[in-house]
């Protein structure tokens, strides 16, 4: 479902051929969530069979034409329905990141539910990490302890970020939230 949602989201913006779609998936979702062509093309076939996308093989130049994929009316409707789902599956690591990448297509109430659900999930994880770290501190070597502390700091950072986003959403979600504002240095995100 994560790859399906991401494909529909990108095709919602414009028709794309497979190679360009793969590049945009990597750019939007980052290399850590990169999808292979081996998973991309079967998903495209599935979406086409479901009637959510169509393909046109007339694009391109030269001997070989490029297949261009485009969202159908049913696909737009399906994407919007997926964008406005808010439940435990959207709070998990991979699904949250993909959903967040397309938050501009998600209604404000759903964005807030997803952000709050994600924060709640991370707060539970943080408490579990703290408890395990407290119990096992003496048994861990310095490197393992440093790794565990790093994990805890990462969760703390994400919870703070989510708190900022939630505050912005609660005040209308307008403007450029502090967590998303770019600094004076080009291509840098605070």
N, C-alpha and C. Protein backbone atom coordinates (compact mmCIF):
# COMPACT_ATOMS: atom_id res chain seq x y z
N UNK A 1 0.82 -1.20 0.00
CA UNK A 1 0.00 0.00 0.00
C UNK A 1 0.86 1.26 0.00
N UNK A 2 2.02 1.23 0.62
CA UNK A 2 2.87 2.41 0.70
C UNK A 2 3.33 2.81 -0.69
N UNK A 3 3.82 1.86 -1.46
CA UNK A 3 4.28 2.15 -2.81
C UNK A 3 3.11 2.60 -3.69
N UNK A 4 1.98 1.95 -3.56
CA UNK A 4 0.78 2.33 -4.32
C UNK A 4 0.41 3.78 -4.03
N UNK A 5 0.39 4.16 -2.76
CA UNK A 5 0.03 5.52 -2.37
C UNK A 5 1.04 6.52 -2.94
N UNK A 6 2.32 6.20 -2.86
CA UNK A 6 3.35 7.10 -3.38
C UNK A 6 3.24 7.28 -4.90
N UNK A 7 2.99 6.21 -5.62
CA UNK A 7 2.84 6.29 -7.07
C UNK A 7 1.63 7.14 -7.42
N UNK A 8 0.51 6.88 -6.77
CA UNK A 8 -0.70 7.66 -7.05
C UNK A 8 -0.47 9.14 -6.72
N UNK A 9 0.25 9.41 -5.65
CA UNK A 9 0.54 10.79 -5.28
C UNK A 9 1.38 11.51 -6.31
N UNK A 10 2.40 10.84 -6.82
CA UNK A 10 3.25 11.46 -7.84
C UNK A 10 2.51 11.63 -9.16
N UNK A 11 1.72 10.63 -9.53
CA UNK A 11 0.95 10.75 -10.77
C UNK A 11 -0.19 11.77 -10.63
N UNK A 12 -0.59 12.05 -9.42
CA UNK A 12 -1.60 13.10 -9.17
C UNK A 12 -1.05 14.45 -9.60
N UNK A 13 0.27 14.61 -9.49
CA UNK A 13 0.92 15.87 -9.86
C UNK A 13 1.11 15.99 -11.36
N UNK A 14 1.48 14.89 -12.02
CA UNK A 14 1.66 14.92 -13.48
C UNK A 14 1.89 13.50 -14.00
N UNK A 15 1.57 13.27 -15.28
CA UNK A 15 1.87 11.97 -15.89
C UNK A 15 3.39 11.77 -15.95
N UNK A 16 3.84 10.53 -15.77
CA UNK A 16 5.27 10.23 -15.76
C UNK A 16 5.55 8.89 -16.41
N UNK A 17 6.75 8.74 -16.98
CA UNK A 17 7.16 7.42 -17.45
C UNK A 17 7.89 6.73 -16.30
N UNK A 18 8.11 5.43 -16.40
CA UNK A 18 8.63 4.62 -15.31
C UNK A 18 9.94 5.12 -14.73
N UNK A 19 10.89 5.49 -15.59
CA UNK A 19 12.18 5.94 -15.10
C UNK A 19 12.04 7.23 -14.30
N UNK A 20 11.26 8.16 -14.83
CA UNK A 20 11.04 9.44 -14.13
C UNK A 20 10.28 9.21 -12.82
N UNK A 21 9.34 8.31 -12.84
CA UNK A 21 8.59 7.97 -11.63
C UNK A 21 9.54 7.42 -10.56
N UNK A 22 10.44 6.54 -10.94
CA UNK A 22 11.42 5.98 -10.00
C UNK A 22 12.31 7.08 -9.44
N UNK A 23 12.77 7.99 -10.28
CA UNK A 23 13.61 9.10 -9.81
C UNK A 23 12.85 9.98 -8.83
N UNK A 24 11.60 10.26 -9.11
CA UNK A 24 10.81 11.11 -8.21
C UNK A 24 10.50 10.40 -6.90
N UNK A 25 10.25 9.09 -6.97
CA UNK A 25 10.05 8.33 -5.73
C UNK A 25 11.28 8.46 -4.84
N UNK A 26 12.46 8.30 -5.44
CA UNK A 26 13.70 8.42 -4.68
C UNK A 26 13.86 9.83 -4.12
N UNK A 27 13.52 10.85 -4.91
CA UNK A 27 13.68 12.24 -4.46
C UNK A 27 12.69 12.59 -3.35
N UNK A 28 11.44 12.18 -3.52
CA UNK A 28 10.41 12.53 -2.54
C UNK A 28 10.58 11.73 -1.25
N UNK A 29 10.87 10.46 -1.38
CA UNK A 29 10.91 9.58 -0.22
C UNK A 29 12.30 9.38 0.35
N UNK A 30 13.32 9.77 -0.39
CA UNK A 30 14.68 9.60 0.07
C UNK A 30 15.22 8.22 -0.27
N UNK A 31 16.51 8.11 -0.29
CA UNK A 31 17.16 6.85 -0.66
C UNK A 31 16.90 5.73 0.35
N UNK A 32 16.63 6.08 1.60
CA UNK A 32 16.39 5.05 2.61
C UNK A 32 15.09 4.30 2.35
N UNK A 33 14.17 4.93 1.62
CA UNK A 33 12.89 4.28 1.31
C UNK A 33 12.78 4.01 -0.19
N UNK A 34 13.91 3.88 -0.82
CA UNK A 34 13.92 3.68 -2.27
C UNK A 34 13.25 2.36 -2.64
N UNK A 35 12.53 2.40 -3.75
CA UNK A 35 11.87 1.22 -4.27
C UNK A 35 12.59 0.79 -5.53
N UNK A 36 12.68 -0.50 -5.74
CA UNK A 36 13.36 -1.01 -6.93
C UNK A 36 12.39 -1.07 -8.11
N UNK A 37 12.96 -1.17 -9.30
CA UNK A 37 12.12 -1.36 -10.48
C UNK A 37 11.35 -2.67 -10.36
N UNK A 38 11.94 -3.65 -9.67
CA UNK A 38 11.30 -4.94 -9.48
C UNK A 38 10.01 -4.85 -8.67
N UNK A 39 9.87 -3.84 -7.86
CA UNK A 39 8.62 -3.64 -7.13
C UNK A 39 7.76 -2.57 -7.80
N UNK A 40 8.39 -1.63 -8.51
CA UNK A 40 7.65 -0.54 -9.15
C UNK A 40 6.74 -1.04 -10.28
N UNK A 41 7.28 -1.79 -11.22
CA UNK A 41 6.49 -2.19 -12.39
C UNK A 41 5.34 -3.14 -12.06
N UNK A 42 5.52 -4.11 -11.17
CA UNK A 42 4.35 -4.92 -10.79
C UNK A 42 3.25 -4.06 -10.12
N UNK A 43 3.66 -3.07 -9.35
CA UNK A 43 2.67 -2.19 -8.71
C UNK A 43 1.95 -1.35 -9.76
N UNK A 44 2.69 -0.87 -10.76
CA UNK A 44 2.06 -0.11 -11.85
C UNK A 44 1.05 -0.98 -12.59
N UNK A 45 1.40 -2.23 -12.84
CA UNK A 45 0.48 -3.16 -13.51
C UNK A 45 -0.77 -3.36 -12.68
N UNK A 46 -0.59 -3.55 -11.39
CA UNK A 46 -1.73 -3.74 -10.48
C UNK A 46 -2.64 -2.50 -10.48
N UNK A 47 -2.05 -1.32 -10.43
CA UNK A 47 -2.84 -0.08 -10.45
C UNK A 47 -3.57 0.11 -11.77
N UNK A 48 -2.93 -0.31 -12.87
CA UNK A 48 -3.58 -0.22 -14.18
C UNK A 48 -4.76 -1.19 -14.26
N UNK A 49 -4.56 -2.41 -13.78
CA UNK A 49 -5.63 -3.40 -13.79
C UNK A 49 -6.81 -2.96 -12.92
N UNK A 50 -6.53 -2.23 -11.85
CA UNK A 50 -7.59 -1.74 -10.97
C UNK A 50 -8.30 -0.52 -11.56
N UNK A 51 -7.75 0.02 -12.65
CA UNK A 51 -8.36 1.18 -13.29
C UNK A 51 -7.95 2.52 -12.69
N UNK A 52 -6.90 2.52 -11.85
CA UNK A 52 -6.47 3.76 -11.21
C UNK A 52 -5.48 4.55 -12.06
N UNK A 53 -4.79 3.88 -12.96
CA UNK A 53 -3.88 4.57 -13.87
C UNK A 53 -4.09 4.03 -15.28
N UNK A 54 -3.67 4.82 -16.23
CA UNK A 54 -3.66 4.36 -17.62
C UNK A 54 -2.26 4.57 -18.15
N UNK A 55 -1.97 3.90 -19.26
CA UNK A 55 -0.64 4.08 -19.84
C UNK A 55 -0.74 4.37 -21.31
N UNK A 56 0.21 5.16 -21.77
CA UNK A 56 0.26 5.56 -23.16
C UNK A 56 1.68 5.28 -23.64
N UNK A 57 1.81 4.43 -24.63
CA UNK A 57 3.13 4.05 -25.13
C UNK A 57 3.62 4.94 -26.26
N UNK A 58 2.97 6.05 -26.50
CA UNK A 58 3.38 6.89 -27.63
C UNK A 58 4.43 7.91 -27.27
N UNK A 59 4.79 8.03 -25.98
CA UNK A 59 5.79 9.01 -25.58
C UNK A 59 7.18 8.61 -26.02
N UNK A 60 8.10 9.54 -26.04
CA UNK A 60 9.50 9.26 -26.35
C UNK A 60 9.81 9.45 -27.82
N UNK A 61 11.09 9.34 -28.12
CA UNK A 61 11.56 9.52 -29.49
C UNK A 61 12.47 8.36 -29.85
N UNK A 62 12.78 8.25 -31.12
CA UNK A 62 13.69 7.21 -31.57
C UNK A 62 12.99 5.88 -31.73
N UNK A 63 13.79 4.81 -31.71
CA UNK A 63 13.27 3.46 -31.94
C UNK A 63 12.34 2.99 -30.84
N UNK A 64 12.61 3.41 -29.64
CA UNK A 64 11.84 2.88 -28.52
C UNK A 64 10.98 3.97 -27.89
N UNK A 65 9.71 3.69 -27.78
CA UNK A 65 8.82 4.67 -27.16
C UNK A 65 8.77 4.43 -25.66
N UNK A 66 8.50 5.49 -24.92
CA UNK A 66 8.39 5.39 -23.47
C UNK A 66 6.92 5.28 -23.09
N UNK A 67 6.67 4.44 -22.12
CA UNK A 67 5.31 4.30 -21.61
C UNK A 67 5.11 5.38 -20.55
N UNK A 68 4.08 6.19 -20.75
CA UNK A 68 3.77 7.26 -19.80
C UNK A 68 2.52 6.85 -19.02
N UNK A 69 2.62 6.95 -17.70
CA UNK A 69 1.52 6.58 -16.82
C UNK A 69 0.79 7.84 -16.37
N UNK A 70 -0.54 7.72 -16.31
CA UNK A 70 -1.36 8.87 -15.94
C UNK A 70 -2.48 8.40 -15.01
N UNK A 71 -2.84 9.25 -14.06
CA UNK A 71 -3.91 8.95 -13.13
C UNK A 71 -5.25 9.07 -13.83
N UNK A 72 -6.14 8.11 -13.60
CA UNK A 72 -7.50 8.18 -14.13
C UNK A 72 -8.38 8.91 -13.10
N UNK A 73 -9.63 9.15 -13.46
CA UNK A 73 -10.56 9.78 -12.51
C UNK A 73 -10.74 8.89 -11.28
N UNK A 74 -10.85 7.56 -11.50
CA UNK A 74 -10.95 6.62 -10.38
C UNK A 74 -9.68 6.66 -9.53
N UNK A 75 -8.54 6.81 -10.18
CA UNK A 75 -7.27 6.89 -9.47
C UNK A 75 -7.17 8.13 -8.60
N UNK A 76 -7.67 9.25 -9.12
CA UNK A 76 -7.68 10.48 -8.31
C UNK A 76 -8.56 10.32 -7.08
N UNK A 77 -9.70 9.69 -7.28
CA UNK A 77 -10.62 9.44 -6.18
C UNK A 77 -10.00 8.49 -5.15
N UNK A 78 -9.37 7.44 -5.64
CA UNK A 78 -8.73 6.46 -4.76
C UNK A 78 -7.58 7.11 -3.99
N UNK A 79 -6.77 7.92 -4.66
CA UNK A 79 -5.66 8.61 -4.00
C UNK A 79 -6.20 9.51 -2.89
N UNK A 80 -7.24 10.26 -3.17
CA UNK A 80 -7.81 11.16 -2.17
C UNK A 80 -8.33 10.39 -0.97
N UNK A 81 -8.95 9.24 -1.23
CA UNK A 81 -9.44 8.40 -0.12
C UNK A 81 -8.27 7.91 0.72
N UNK A 82 -7.18 7.48 0.08
CA UNK A 82 -6.00 7.02 0.82
C UNK A 82 -5.35 8.17 1.59
N UNK A 83 -5.31 9.35 0.97
CA UNK A 83 -4.69 10.52 1.62
C UNK A 83 -5.44 10.91 2.88
N UNK A 84 -6.72 10.63 2.93
CA UNK A 84 -7.53 11.05 4.07
C UNK A 84 -7.81 9.93 5.07
N UNK A 85 -7.06 8.81 4.95
CA UNK A 85 -7.15 7.74 5.95
C UNK A 85 -6.24 8.10 7.11
N UNK A 86 -6.70 7.86 8.32
CA UNK A 86 -5.88 8.11 9.51
C UNK A 86 -6.10 6.98 10.50
N UNK A 87 -5.13 6.12 10.60
CA UNK A 87 -5.23 5.01 11.53
C UNK A 87 -3.85 4.50 11.88
N UNK A 88 -3.76 3.49 12.70
CA UNK A 88 -2.47 2.99 13.15
C UNK A 88 -1.47 2.66 12.04
N UNK A 89 -1.94 2.23 10.88
CA UNK A 89 -0.98 1.91 9.82
C UNK A 89 -0.27 3.16 9.30
N UNK A 90 -0.90 4.33 9.38
CA UNK A 90 -0.26 5.57 8.94
C UNK A 90 0.73 6.11 9.96
N UNK A 91 0.77 5.54 11.16
CA UNK A 91 1.66 6.01 12.21
C UNK A 91 3.00 5.30 12.19
N UNK A 92 3.07 4.19 11.46
CA UNK A 92 4.31 3.40 11.41
C UNK A 92 5.36 4.12 10.58
N UNK A 93 6.63 3.75 10.77
CA UNK A 93 7.75 4.45 10.17
C UNK A 93 7.60 4.71 8.67
N UNK A 94 7.53 3.65 7.88
CA UNK A 94 7.52 3.80 6.42
C UNK A 94 6.24 4.48 5.92
N UNK A 95 5.11 4.06 6.42
CA UNK A 95 3.85 4.64 5.97
C UNK A 95 3.74 6.10 6.37
N UNK A 96 4.21 6.45 7.56
CA UNK A 96 4.13 7.84 8.00
C UNK A 96 4.94 8.74 7.06
N UNK A 97 6.15 8.33 6.74
CA UNK A 97 6.99 9.15 5.87
C UNK A 97 6.37 9.38 4.50
N UNK A 98 5.80 8.35 3.93
CA UNK A 98 5.16 8.48 2.62
C UNK A 98 3.92 9.36 2.73
N UNK A 99 3.11 9.13 3.75
CA UNK A 99 1.91 9.94 3.94
C UNK A 99 2.29 11.40 4.14
N UNK A 100 3.31 11.63 4.94
CA UNK A 100 3.75 13.00 5.21
C UNK A 100 4.21 13.70 3.93
N UNK A 101 4.84 12.96 3.04
CA UNK A 101 5.31 13.54 1.77
C UNK A 101 4.16 14.10 0.94
N UNK A 102 2.94 13.60 1.17
CA UNK A 102 1.77 14.05 0.41
C UNK A 102 0.74 14.74 1.30
N UNK A 103 1.19 15.32 2.42
CA UNK A 103 0.29 16.00 3.34
C UNK A 103 -0.46 17.16 2.70
N UNK A 104 0.08 17.74 1.65
CA UNK A 104 -0.61 18.86 1.01
C UNK A 104 -1.93 18.40 0.38
N UNK A 105 -2.10 17.11 0.17
CA UNK A 105 -3.33 16.55 -0.39
C UNK A 105 -4.26 15.97 0.68
N UNK A 106 -3.86 16.14 1.94
CA UNK A 106 -4.60 15.56 3.06
C UNK A 106 -5.33 16.67 3.81
N UNK A 107 -6.58 16.41 4.20
CA UNK A 107 -7.32 17.46 4.91
C UNK A 107 -6.72 17.68 6.30
N UNK A 108 -6.95 18.87 6.85
CA UNK A 108 -6.32 19.31 8.10
C UNK A 108 -6.65 18.39 9.27
N UNK A 109 -7.88 17.95 9.38
CA UNK A 109 -8.28 17.09 10.49
C UNK A 109 -7.53 15.75 10.44
N UNK A 110 -7.37 15.21 9.25
CA UNK A 110 -6.65 13.95 9.09
C UNK A 110 -5.17 14.14 9.37
N UNK A 111 -4.59 15.25 8.87
CA UNK A 111 -3.17 15.52 9.16
C UNK A 111 -2.94 15.53 10.67
N UNK A 112 -3.82 16.21 11.39
CA UNK A 112 -3.67 16.31 12.84
C UNK A 112 -3.78 14.94 13.50
N UNK A 113 -4.75 14.12 13.08
CA UNK A 113 -4.90 12.77 13.65
C UNK A 113 -3.66 11.92 13.39
N UNK A 114 -3.11 12.03 12.19
CA UNK A 114 -1.91 11.24 11.86
C UNK A 114 -0.72 11.72 12.68
N UNK A 115 -0.54 13.03 12.80
CA UNK A 115 0.58 13.56 13.59
C UNK A 115 0.45 13.16 15.06
N UNK A 116 -0.75 13.26 15.60
CA UNK A 116 -0.95 12.89 16.99
C UNK A 116 -0.77 11.39 17.21
N UNK A 117 -1.24 10.59 16.27
CA UNK A 117 -1.06 9.15 16.36
C UNK A 117 0.40 8.77 16.29
N UNK A 118 1.14 9.40 15.39
CA UNK A 118 2.57 9.14 15.26
C UNK A 118 3.29 9.52 16.55
N UNK A 119 2.94 10.69 17.10
CA UNK A 119 3.57 11.13 18.35
C UNK A 119 3.29 10.14 19.47
N UNK A 120 2.04 9.70 19.58
CA UNK A 120 1.67 8.75 20.62
C UNK A 120 2.46 7.45 20.47
N UNK A 121 2.58 6.96 19.24
CA UNK A 121 3.34 5.73 18.98
C UNK A 121 4.79 5.91 19.40
N UNK A 122 5.39 7.06 19.07
CA UNK A 122 6.79 7.30 19.42
C UNK A 122 6.98 7.47 20.93
N UNK A 123 6.01 8.09 21.58
CA UNK A 123 6.11 8.23 23.03
C UNK A 123 6.09 6.87 23.71
N UNK A 124 5.28 5.95 23.20
CA UNK A 124 5.27 4.58 23.73
C UNK A 124 6.62 3.91 23.51
N UNK A 125 7.18 4.08 22.30
CA UNK A 125 8.48 3.50 21.99
C UNK A 125 9.56 4.08 22.90
N UNK A 126 9.49 5.40 23.12
CA UNK A 126 10.48 6.09 23.95
C UNK A 126 10.45 5.54 25.38
N UNK A 127 9.26 5.35 25.92
CA UNK A 127 9.16 4.82 27.28
C UNK A 127 9.71 3.40 27.35
N UNK A 128 9.43 2.60 26.33
CA UNK A 128 9.98 1.24 26.29
C UNK A 128 11.49 1.25 26.20
N UNK A 129 12.05 2.15 25.37
CA UNK A 129 13.50 2.27 25.25
C UNK A 129 14.12 2.67 26.58
N UNK A 130 13.52 3.65 27.23
CA UNK A 130 14.04 4.12 28.53
C UNK A 130 14.02 2.99 29.56
N UNK A 131 12.93 2.25 29.60
CA UNK A 131 12.82 1.16 30.57
C UNK A 131 13.87 0.09 30.30
N UNK A 132 14.04 -0.30 29.04
CA UNK A 132 15.04 -1.32 28.70
C UNK A 132 16.45 -0.83 29.00
N UNK A 133 16.70 0.44 28.72
CA UNK A 133 18.02 1.02 28.95
C UNK A 133 18.33 1.06 30.45
N UNK A 134 17.36 1.39 31.25
CA UNK A 134 17.54 1.44 32.70
C UNK A 134 17.84 0.04 33.24
N UNK A 135 17.11 -0.95 32.77
CA UNK A 135 17.30 -2.34 33.24
C UNK A 135 18.64 -2.91 32.79
N UNK A 136 19.06 -2.57 31.60
CA UNK A 136 20.23 -3.24 31.01
C UNK A 136 21.50 -2.39 31.03
N UNK A 137 21.45 -1.20 31.61
CA UNK A 137 22.60 -0.28 31.56
C UNK A 137 23.90 -0.95 32.00
N UNK A 138 23.88 -1.66 33.10
CA UNK A 138 25.11 -2.28 33.63
C UNK A 138 25.61 -3.42 32.74
N UNK A 139 24.72 -4.07 32.04
CA UNK A 139 25.09 -5.22 31.21
C UNK A 139 25.62 -4.82 29.84
N UNK A 140 25.46 -3.56 29.45
CA UNK A 140 25.85 -3.12 28.12
C UNK A 140 27.27 -2.57 28.09
N UNK A 141 27.98 -2.87 27.01
CA UNK A 141 29.29 -2.25 26.85
C UNK A 141 29.10 -0.80 26.38
N UNK A 142 30.15 -0.03 26.37
CA UNK A 142 30.07 1.40 26.08
C UNK A 142 29.50 1.68 24.68
N UNK A 143 29.84 0.87 23.71
CA UNK A 143 29.36 1.11 22.34
C UNK A 143 27.88 0.82 22.21
N UNK A 144 27.44 -0.28 22.79
CA UNK A 144 26.02 -0.62 22.74
C UNK A 144 25.21 0.42 23.50
N UNK A 145 25.74 0.88 24.63
CA UNK A 145 25.07 1.92 25.41
C UNK A 145 24.97 3.21 24.59
N UNK A 146 26.03 3.57 23.88
CA UNK A 146 26.02 4.77 23.04
C UNK A 146 24.99 4.63 21.92
N UNK A 147 24.87 3.44 21.35
CA UNK A 147 23.89 3.20 20.30
C UNK A 147 22.47 3.32 20.84
N UNK A 148 22.23 2.75 22.01
CA UNK A 148 20.91 2.84 22.63
C UNK A 148 20.55 4.29 22.95
N UNK A 149 21.51 5.06 23.47
CA UNK A 149 21.27 6.48 23.76
C UNK A 149 21.00 7.27 22.48
N UNK A 150 21.68 6.91 21.41
CA UNK A 150 21.45 7.57 20.12
C UNK A 150 20.02 7.32 19.65
N UNK A 151 19.57 6.08 19.78
CA UNK A 151 18.19 5.75 19.41
C UNK A 151 17.19 6.54 20.22
N UNK A 152 17.43 6.67 21.50
CA UNK A 152 16.54 7.43 22.38
C UNK A 152 16.54 8.91 22.01
N UNK A 153 17.70 9.46 21.71
CA UNK A 153 17.79 10.87 21.28
C UNK A 153 17.05 11.09 19.96
N UNK A 154 17.13 10.13 19.06
CA UNK A 154 16.43 10.25 17.77
C UNK A 154 14.93 10.29 17.97
N UNK A 155 14.42 9.44 18.85
CA UNK A 155 12.99 9.44 19.13
C UNK A 155 12.59 10.75 19.80
N UNK A 156 13.40 11.23 20.74
CA UNK A 156 13.11 12.52 21.40
C UNK A 156 13.03 13.65 20.37
N UNK A 157 13.97 13.67 19.44
CA UNK A 157 14.00 14.70 18.39
C UNK A 157 12.74 14.66 17.54
N UNK A 158 12.31 13.45 17.15
CA UNK A 158 11.12 13.34 16.32
C UNK A 158 9.86 13.75 17.09
N UNK A 159 9.80 13.43 18.37
CA UNK A 159 8.64 13.85 19.18
C UNK A 159 8.59 15.37 19.25
N UNK A 160 9.73 16.03 19.44
CA UNK A 160 9.76 17.51 19.46
C UNK A 160 9.29 18.08 18.13
N UNK A 161 9.75 17.50 17.04
CA UNK A 161 9.36 17.94 15.70
C UNK A 161 7.85 17.78 15.51
N UNK A 162 7.33 16.64 15.92
CA UNK A 162 5.89 16.40 15.81
C UNK A 162 5.10 17.39 16.66
N UNK A 163 5.60 17.70 17.84
CA UNK A 163 4.92 18.69 18.69
C UNK A 163 4.83 20.04 17.98
N UNK A 164 5.88 20.44 17.29
CA UNK A 164 5.86 21.70 16.53
C UNK A 164 4.83 21.64 15.41
N UNK A 165 4.82 20.55 14.68
CA UNK A 165 3.87 20.40 13.58
C UNK A 165 2.43 20.38 14.08
N UNK A 166 2.20 19.71 15.19
CA UNK A 166 0.85 19.64 15.77
C UNK A 166 0.40 21.03 16.20
N UNK A 167 1.30 21.80 16.81
CA UNK A 167 0.95 23.16 17.22
C UNK A 167 0.55 24.00 16.01
N UNK A 168 1.27 23.86 14.91
CA UNK A 168 0.95 24.60 13.69
C UNK A 168 -0.41 24.16 13.15
N UNK A 169 -0.65 22.86 13.10
CA UNK A 169 -1.93 22.35 12.60
C UNK A 169 -3.10 22.85 13.45
N UNK A 170 -2.90 22.90 14.76
CA UNK A 170 -3.97 23.35 15.65
C UNK A 170 -4.28 24.83 15.50
N UNK A 171 -3.34 25.59 14.97
CA UNK A 171 -3.58 27.02 14.76
C UNK A 171 -3.97 27.32 13.32
N UNK A 172 -4.42 26.33 12.62
CA UNK A 172 -4.91 26.53 11.27
C UNK A 172 -4.02 25.95 10.19
N UNK A 173 -2.82 25.54 10.53
CA UNK A 173 -1.95 24.91 9.56
C UNK A 173 -1.46 25.83 8.46
N UNK A 174 -1.70 27.10 8.59
CA UNK A 174 -1.27 28.04 7.56
C UNK A 174 0.14 28.52 7.83
N UNK A 175 0.81 28.97 6.80
CA UNK A 175 2.17 29.47 6.97
C UNK A 175 3.19 28.37 6.81
N UNK A 176 4.38 28.68 7.21
CA UNK A 176 5.51 27.79 7.08
C UNK A 176 5.97 27.40 8.47
N UNK A 177 5.63 26.20 8.96
CA UNK A 177 5.99 25.83 10.32
C UNK A 177 7.49 25.89 10.55
N UNK A 178 7.92 26.22 11.78
CA UNK A 178 9.34 26.34 12.07
C UNK A 178 10.15 25.10 11.69
N UNK A 179 9.58 23.93 11.87
CA UNK A 179 10.29 22.69 11.56
C UNK A 179 10.50 22.50 10.07
N UNK A 180 9.79 23.28 9.25
CA UNK A 180 9.90 23.11 7.80
C UNK A 180 10.55 24.31 7.12
N UNK A 181 10.75 25.40 7.87
CA UNK A 181 11.34 26.61 7.30
C UNK A 181 12.77 26.36 6.90
N UNK A 182 13.19 26.92 5.79
CA UNK A 182 14.59 26.78 5.40
C UNK A 182 15.38 27.89 6.05
N UNK A 183 16.63 27.60 6.36
CA UNK A 183 17.49 28.61 6.97
C UNK A 183 18.04 29.52 5.90
N UNK A 184 18.90 30.44 6.30
CA UNK A 184 19.49 31.36 5.33
C UNK A 184 20.45 30.66 4.40
N UNK A 185 20.94 29.47 4.78
CA UNK A 185 21.82 28.71 3.92
C UNK A 185 20.99 27.93 2.92
N UNK A 186 21.24 28.09 1.61
CA UNK A 186 20.45 27.38 0.60
C UNK A 186 20.53 25.86 0.80
N UNK A 187 19.42 25.21 0.47
CA UNK A 187 19.31 23.75 0.51
C UNK A 187 19.50 23.16 1.89
N UNK A 188 19.24 23.92 2.93
CA UNK A 188 19.36 23.42 4.28
C UNK A 188 18.02 23.51 4.95
N UNK A 189 17.67 22.47 5.67
CA UNK A 189 16.42 22.46 6.42
C UNK A 189 16.76 22.41 7.89
N UNK A 190 16.09 23.27 8.67
CA UNK A 190 16.31 23.26 10.12
C UNK A 190 15.59 22.12 10.77
